[in-house]
Amino acid sequence: MNTPPSDSDWAKLDILLKNKDENLNKKINLCVSAVLLLGVFIVVFAFFIVALFK
């Protein structure tokens, strides 16, 4: 017979899910900032090349 999960079980699950979400958000933020840095670098590099060959 299954007993319904108690409030403390729900709280534990909630905390676990929140921790997972935070880790995921950190990874996403890291990826986004890396992509943005790369994009800025490429734009600056392209501008530099155009300036050199004018």
Protein backbone atom coordinates (compact mmCIF):
# COMPACT_ATOMS: atom_id res chain seq x y z
CA MET A 1 0.00 0.00 0.00
CA ASN A 2 1.45 3.34 -1.06
CA THR A 3 1.35 6.13 1.48
CA PRO A 4 1.00 9.63 0.04
CA PRO A 5 4.22 11.64 0.31
CA SER A 6 4.32 13.78 3.43
CA ASP A 7 4.97 17.52 3.50
CA SER A 8 8.62 17.00 4.42
CA ASP A 9 9.08 14.68 1.42
CA TRP A 10 7.60 17.33 -0.85
CA ALA A 11 9.90 19.94 0.69
CA LYS A 12 12.95 17.73 0.05
CA LEU A 13 11.87 17.18 -3.55
CA ASP A 14 11.27 20.92 -3.98
CA ILE A 15 14.78 21.71 -2.68
CA LEU A 16 16.33 19.11 -5.01
CA LEU A 17 14.48 20.55 -8.00
CA LYS A 18 15.50 24.11 -7.08
CA ASN A 19 19.16 23.06 -6.83
CA LYS A 20 18.93 21.38 -10.23
CA ASP A 21 17.37 24.51 -11.75
CA GLU A 22 20.09 26.73 -10.27
CA ASN A 23 22.86 24.51 -11.65
CA LEU A 24 21.16 24.48 -15.06
CA ASN A 25 20.79 28.27 -14.99
CA LYS A 26 24.49 28.65 -14.13
CA LYS A 27 25.43 26.43 -17.08
CA ILE A 28 23.11 28.33 -19.42
CA ASN A 29 24.47 31.69 -18.24
CA LEU A 30 28.02 30.42 -18.76
CA CYS A 31 27.20 29.26 -22.29
CA VAL A 32 25.46 32.53 -23.16
CA SER A 33 28.34 34.66 -21.88
CA ALA A 34 30.86 32.48 -23.74
CA VAL A 35 28.89 32.83 -26.99
CA LEU A 36 28.56 36.60 -26.49
CA LEU A 37 32.31 36.93 -25.86
CA LEU A 38 33.02 34.88 -28.96
CA GLY A 39 30.63 37.04 -31.01
CA VAL A 40 32.26 40.26 -29.79
CA PHE A 41 35.70 38.83 -30.54
CA ILE A 42 34.66 37.87 -34.09
CA VAL A 43 33.14 41.32 -34.74
CA VAL A 44 36.27 43.10 -33.47
CA PHE A 45 38.50 40.76 -35.48
CA ALA A 46 36.45 41.32 -38.66
CA PHE A 47 36.52 45.09 -38.12
CA PHE A 48 40.30 44.93 -37.63
CA ILE A 49 40.78 42.99 -40.88
CA VAL A 50 38.54 45.41 -42.82
CA ALA A 51 40.45 48.38 -41.37
CA LEU A 52 43.79 46.80 -42.38
CA PHE A 53 42.82 46.03 -45.97
CA LYS A 54 41.22 49.40 -46.78
